[in-house]
Amino acid sequence: MLVIIKSLINVIIAILSILVFLDSLLSYFVSEQNGFRRFMGKILNPIYQPIRRLIPPLAGIDFTPLIAIILLQVLDAILIALLSLIG
């Protein structure tokens, strides 16, 4: 059972990381008014907002996606380690 939970956590974190990467890449080419970008915004803004409150864009460069990916990977490692301790 724990193997399934670990795999599910890994998949969810991987999907979120890919969405963050795609969102940052698409921000150069596609308007925020695009339907797909708005959909991704609904998913990613809850992750982005706390980071942006702590670290606003510096000199016009938004490091939020980079920080979000790092935090997602750290969260993944912590959750997997905690689950490993349980079982």
N, C-alpha and C. Protein backbone atom coordinates (compact mmCIF):
# COMPACT_ATOMS: atom_id res chain seq x y z
N MET A 1 0.82 -1.21 0.00
CA MET A 1 0.00 0.00 0.00
C MET A 1 0.86 1.26 0.00
N LEU A 2 1.94 1.23 0.80
CA LEU A 2 2.81 2.40 0.85
C LEU A 2 3.53 2.63 -0.48
N VAL A 3 3.80 1.56 -1.19
CA VAL A 3 4.46 1.69 -2.49
C VAL A 3 3.56 2.46 -3.45
N ILE A 4 2.27 2.17 -3.39
CA ILE A 4 1.32 2.87 -4.26
C ILE A 4 1.24 4.35 -3.88
N ILE A 5 1.22 4.64 -2.58
CA ILE A 5 1.17 6.03 -2.13
C ILE A 5 2.44 6.77 -2.53
N LYS A 6 3.59 6.14 -2.37
CA LYS A 6 4.85 6.76 -2.78
C LYS A 6 4.85 7.05 -4.28
N SER A 7 4.39 6.09 -5.06
CA SER A 7 4.34 6.28 -6.51
C SER A 7 3.39 7.40 -6.88
N LEU A 8 2.25 7.47 -6.21
CA LEU A 8 1.28 8.52 -6.47
C LEU A 8 1.86 9.90 -6.14
N ILE A 9 2.57 10.00 -5.01
CA ILE A 9 3.22 11.26 -4.65
C ILE A 9 4.24 11.65 -5.70
N ASN A 10 5.06 10.70 -6.14
CA ASN A 10 6.07 10.98 -7.16
C ASN A 10 5.43 11.47 -8.46
N VAL A 11 4.33 10.84 -8.86
CA VAL A 11 3.66 11.22 -10.10
C VAL A 11 3.06 12.62 -9.98
N ILE A 12 2.40 12.91 -8.87
CA ILE A 12 1.79 14.23 -8.68
C ILE A 12 2.85 15.33 -8.67
N ILE A 13 3.94 15.11 -7.96
CA ILE A 13 5.03 16.09 -7.91
C ILE A 13 5.65 16.27 -9.30
N ALA A 14 5.82 15.18 -10.02
CA ALA A 14 6.39 15.27 -11.37
C ALA A 14 5.47 16.05 -12.30
N ILE A 15 4.17 15.79 -12.23
CA ILE A 15 3.22 16.51 -13.08
C ILE A 15 3.23 18.00 -12.74
N LEU A 16 3.21 18.32 -11.45
CA LEU A 16 3.25 19.73 -11.05
C LEU A 16 4.54 20.40 -11.51
N SER A 17 5.66 19.71 -11.41
CA SER A 17 6.94 20.27 -11.85
C SER A 17 6.93 20.53 -13.36
N ILE A 18 6.37 19.60 -14.11
CA ILE A 18 6.28 19.78 -15.56
C ILE A 18 5.36 20.95 -15.89
N LEU A 19 4.24 21.08 -15.18
CA LEU A 19 3.34 22.21 -15.41
C LEU A 19 4.01 23.54 -15.09
N VAL A 20 4.80 23.59 -14.03
CA VAL A 20 5.52 24.82 -13.70
C VAL A 20 6.50 25.16 -14.82
N PHE A 21 7.22 24.16 -15.31
CA PHE A 21 8.17 24.38 -16.40
C PHE A 21 7.45 24.85 -17.65
N LEU A 22 6.35 24.18 -18.01
CA LEU A 22 5.58 24.57 -19.19
C LEU A 22 5.02 25.99 -19.06
N ASP A 23 4.53 26.32 -17.88
CA ASP A 23 3.98 27.65 -17.65
C ASP A 23 5.06 28.71 -17.83
N SER A 24 6.24 28.45 -17.28
CA SER A 24 7.31 29.45 -17.43
C SER A 24 7.78 29.55 -18.88
N LEU A 25 7.81 28.44 -19.58
CA LEU A 25 8.20 28.45 -20.99
C LEU A 25 7.15 29.16 -21.84
N LEU A 26 5.89 28.83 -21.63
CA LEU A 26 4.82 29.43 -22.41
C LEU A 26 4.65 30.92 -22.12
N SER A 27 5.10 31.38 -20.97
CA SER A 27 4.95 32.79 -20.63
C SER A 27 5.70 33.69 -21.62
N TYR A 28 6.68 33.14 -22.32
CA TYR A 28 7.43 33.91 -23.31
C TYR A 28 6.70 34.00 -24.65
N PHE A 29 5.81 33.05 -24.91
CA PHE A 29 5.21 32.95 -26.23
C PHE A 29 3.70 33.13 -26.28
N VAL A 30 3.01 32.83 -25.17
CA VAL A 30 1.54 32.81 -25.18
C VAL A 30 1.02 33.79 -24.14
N SER A 31 -0.02 34.51 -24.49
CA SER A 31 -0.63 35.49 -23.59
C SER A 31 -1.25 34.80 -22.38
N GLU A 32 -1.32 35.54 -21.28
CA GLU A 32 -1.96 35.01 -20.08
C GLU A 32 -3.46 34.82 -20.28
N GLN A 33 -4.01 35.44 -21.30
CA GLN A 33 -5.44 35.32 -21.60
C GLN A 33 -5.77 34.02 -22.33
N ASN A 34 -4.76 33.28 -22.76
CA ASN A 34 -4.96 32.01 -23.44
C ASN A 34 -5.64 31.03 -22.48
N GLY A 35 -6.56 30.23 -22.99
CA GLY A 35 -7.32 29.30 -22.16
C GLY A 35 -6.46 28.31 -21.41
N PHE A 36 -5.46 27.75 -22.09
CA PHE A 36 -4.58 26.78 -21.45
C PHE A 36 -3.76 27.43 -20.34
N ARG A 37 -3.26 28.65 -20.59
CA ARG A 37 -2.49 29.37 -19.56
C ARG A 37 -3.37 29.71 -18.37
N ARG A 38 -4.64 30.08 -18.61
CA ARG A 38 -5.56 30.36 -17.49
C ARG A 38 -5.82 29.10 -16.68
N PHE A 39 -5.98 27.98 -17.37
CA PHE A 39 -6.18 26.70 -16.69
C PHE A 39 -4.98 26.36 -15.82
N MET A 40 -3.78 26.51 -16.37
CA MET A 40 -2.57 26.24 -15.60
C MET A 40 -2.43 27.22 -14.44
N GLY A 41 -2.86 28.47 -14.65
CA GLY A 41 -2.82 29.45 -13.58
C GLY A 41 -3.68 29.05 -12.41
N LYS A 42 -4.84 28.46 -12.69
CA LYS A 42 -5.72 28.01 -11.61
C LYS A 42 -5.06 26.91 -10.78
N ILE A 43 -4.27 26.10 -11.44
CA ILE A 43 -3.58 25.02 -10.74
C ILE A 43 -2.34 25.55 -10.01
N LEU A 44 -1.58 26.43 -10.68
CA LEU A 44 -0.27 26.82 -10.15
C LEU A 44 -0.29 28.05 -9.25
N ASN A 45 -1.28 28.93 -9.37
CA ASN A 45 -1.29 30.12 -8.53
C ASN A 45 -1.29 29.83 -7.03
N PRO A 46 -1.98 28.78 -6.55
CA PRO A 46 -1.85 28.48 -5.12
C PRO A 46 -0.42 28.13 -4.70
N ILE A 47 0.37 27.65 -5.64
CA ILE A 47 1.79 27.37 -5.34
C ILE A 47 2.60 28.65 -5.46
N TYR A 48 2.32 29.45 -6.49
CA TYR A 48 3.09 30.66 -6.77
C TYR A 48 2.88 31.77 -5.74
N GLN A 49 1.64 31.99 -5.31
CA GLN A 49 1.33 33.16 -4.49
C GLN A 49 2.14 33.26 -3.20
N PRO A 50 2.25 32.20 -2.40
CA PRO A 50 3.06 32.33 -1.18
C PRO A 50 4.53 32.63 -1.47
N ILE A 51 5.03 32.06 -2.56
CA ILE A 51 6.43 32.31 -2.93
C ILE A 51 6.60 33.76 -3.35
N ARG A 52 5.67 34.28 -4.14
CA ARG A 52 5.76 35.67 -4.61
C ARG A 52 5.64 36.66 -3.46
N ARG A 53 4.87 36.30 -2.41
CA ARG A 53 4.78 37.19 -1.25
C ARG A 53 6.12 37.27 -0.53
N LEU A 54 6.84 36.17 -0.47
CA LEU A 54 8.13 36.15 0.21
C LEU A 54 9.26 36.72 -0.65
N ILE A 55 9.25 36.36 -1.93
CA ILE A 55 10.32 36.78 -2.84
C ILE A 55 9.69 37.38 -4.09
N PRO A 56 9.53 38.70 -4.12
CA PRO A 56 8.96 39.32 -5.32
C PRO A 56 9.97 39.28 -6.47
N PRO A 57 9.51 39.52 -7.69
CA PRO A 57 10.44 39.55 -8.83
C PRO A 57 11.57 40.57 -8.58
N LEU A 58 12.78 40.15 -8.90
CA LEU A 58 13.96 41.00 -8.71
C LEU A 58 14.44 41.51 -10.06
N ALA A 59 14.50 42.81 -10.22
CA ALA A 59 14.96 43.45 -11.45
C ALA A 59 14.19 42.92 -12.67
N GLY A 60 12.89 42.67 -12.49
CA GLY A 60 12.06 42.21 -13.60
C GLY A 60 12.15 40.72 -13.87
N ILE A 61 12.91 39.99 -13.06
CA ILE A 61 13.05 38.55 -13.26
C ILE A 61 12.27 37.84 -12.15
N ASP A 62 11.35 36.98 -12.55
CA ASP A 62 10.53 36.24 -11.59
C ASP A 62 11.15 34.86 -11.37
N PHE A 63 11.66 34.65 -10.18
CA PHE A 63 12.27 33.37 -9.84
C PHE A 63 11.28 32.37 -9.26
N THR A 64 10.01 32.74 -9.22
CA THR A 64 8.98 31.90 -8.62
C THR A 64 8.94 30.49 -9.20
N PRO A 65 8.95 30.30 -10.53
CA PRO A 65 8.90 28.93 -11.05
C PRO A 65 10.10 28.09 -10.61
N LEU A 66 11.28 28.67 -10.60
CA LEU A 66 12.48 27.94 -10.17
C LEU A 66 12.35 27.53 -8.71
N ILE A 67 11.94 28.46 -7.87
CA ILE A 67 11.77 28.17 -6.44
C ILE A 67 10.67 27.14 -6.24
N ALA A 68 9.59 27.24 -7.01
CA ALA A 68 8.49 26.28 -6.90
C ALA A 68 8.95 24.87 -7.23
N ILE A 69 9.74 24.71 -8.29
CA ILE A 69 10.24 23.39 -8.65
C ILE A 69 11.15 22.84 -7.56
N ILE A 70 12.02 23.68 -7.03
CA ILE A 70 12.91 23.23 -5.95
C ILE A 70 12.09 22.81 -4.73
N LEU A 71 11.10 23.62 -4.34
CA LEU A 71 10.28 23.29 -3.18
C LEU A 71 9.46 22.02 -3.41
N LEU A 72 8.97 21.83 -4.62
CA LEU A 72 8.23 20.61 -4.93
C LEU A 72 9.13 19.38 -4.78
N GLN A 73 10.37 19.48 -5.24
CA GLN A 73 11.29 18.35 -5.12
C GLN A 73 11.65 18.07 -3.66
N VAL A 74 11.82 19.14 -2.88
CA VAL A 74 12.11 18.97 -1.45
C VAL A 74 10.90 18.33 -0.76
N LEU A 75 9.71 18.80 -1.08
CA LEU A 75 8.49 18.22 -0.51
C LEU A 75 8.38 16.74 -0.86
N ASP A 76 8.69 16.39 -2.08
CA ASP A 76 8.67 15.00 -2.52
C ASP A 76 9.63 14.17 -1.68
N ALA A 77 10.84 14.65 -1.51
CA ALA A 77 11.84 13.90 -0.74
C ALA A 77 11.41 13.73 0.72
N ILE A 78 10.84 14.79 1.30
CA ILE A 78 10.40 14.73 2.70
C ILE A 78 9.24 13.74 2.86
N LEU A 79 8.26 13.82 1.98
CA LEU A 79 7.11 12.91 2.09
C LEU A 79 7.52 11.45 1.88
N ILE A 80 8.39 11.20 0.94
CA ILE A 80 8.84 9.83 0.70
C ILE A 80 9.65 9.33 1.89
N ALA A 81 10.48 10.18 2.49
CA ALA A 81 11.26 9.78 3.66
C ALA A 81 10.33 9.48 4.84
N LEU A 82 9.32 10.30 5.04
CA LEU A 82 8.37 10.06 6.12
C LEU A 82 7.60 8.75 5.91
N LEU A 83 7.19 8.51 4.67
CA LEU A 83 6.50 7.25 4.39
C LEU A 83 7.42 6.04 4.56
N SER A 84 8.70 6.21 4.28
CA SER A 84 9.66 5.13 4.46
C SER A 84 9.83 4.81 5.95
N LEU A 85 9.75 5.83 6.79
CA LEU A 85 9.85 5.60 8.24
C LEU A 85 8.64 4.83 8.77
N ILE A 86 7.49 5.08 8.17
CA ILE A 86 6.26 4.42 8.62
C ILE A 86 6.29 2.92 8.29
N GLY A 87 6.75 2.65 7.08
CA GLY A 87 6.68 1.24 6.68
C GLY A 87 7.88 0.83 6.01
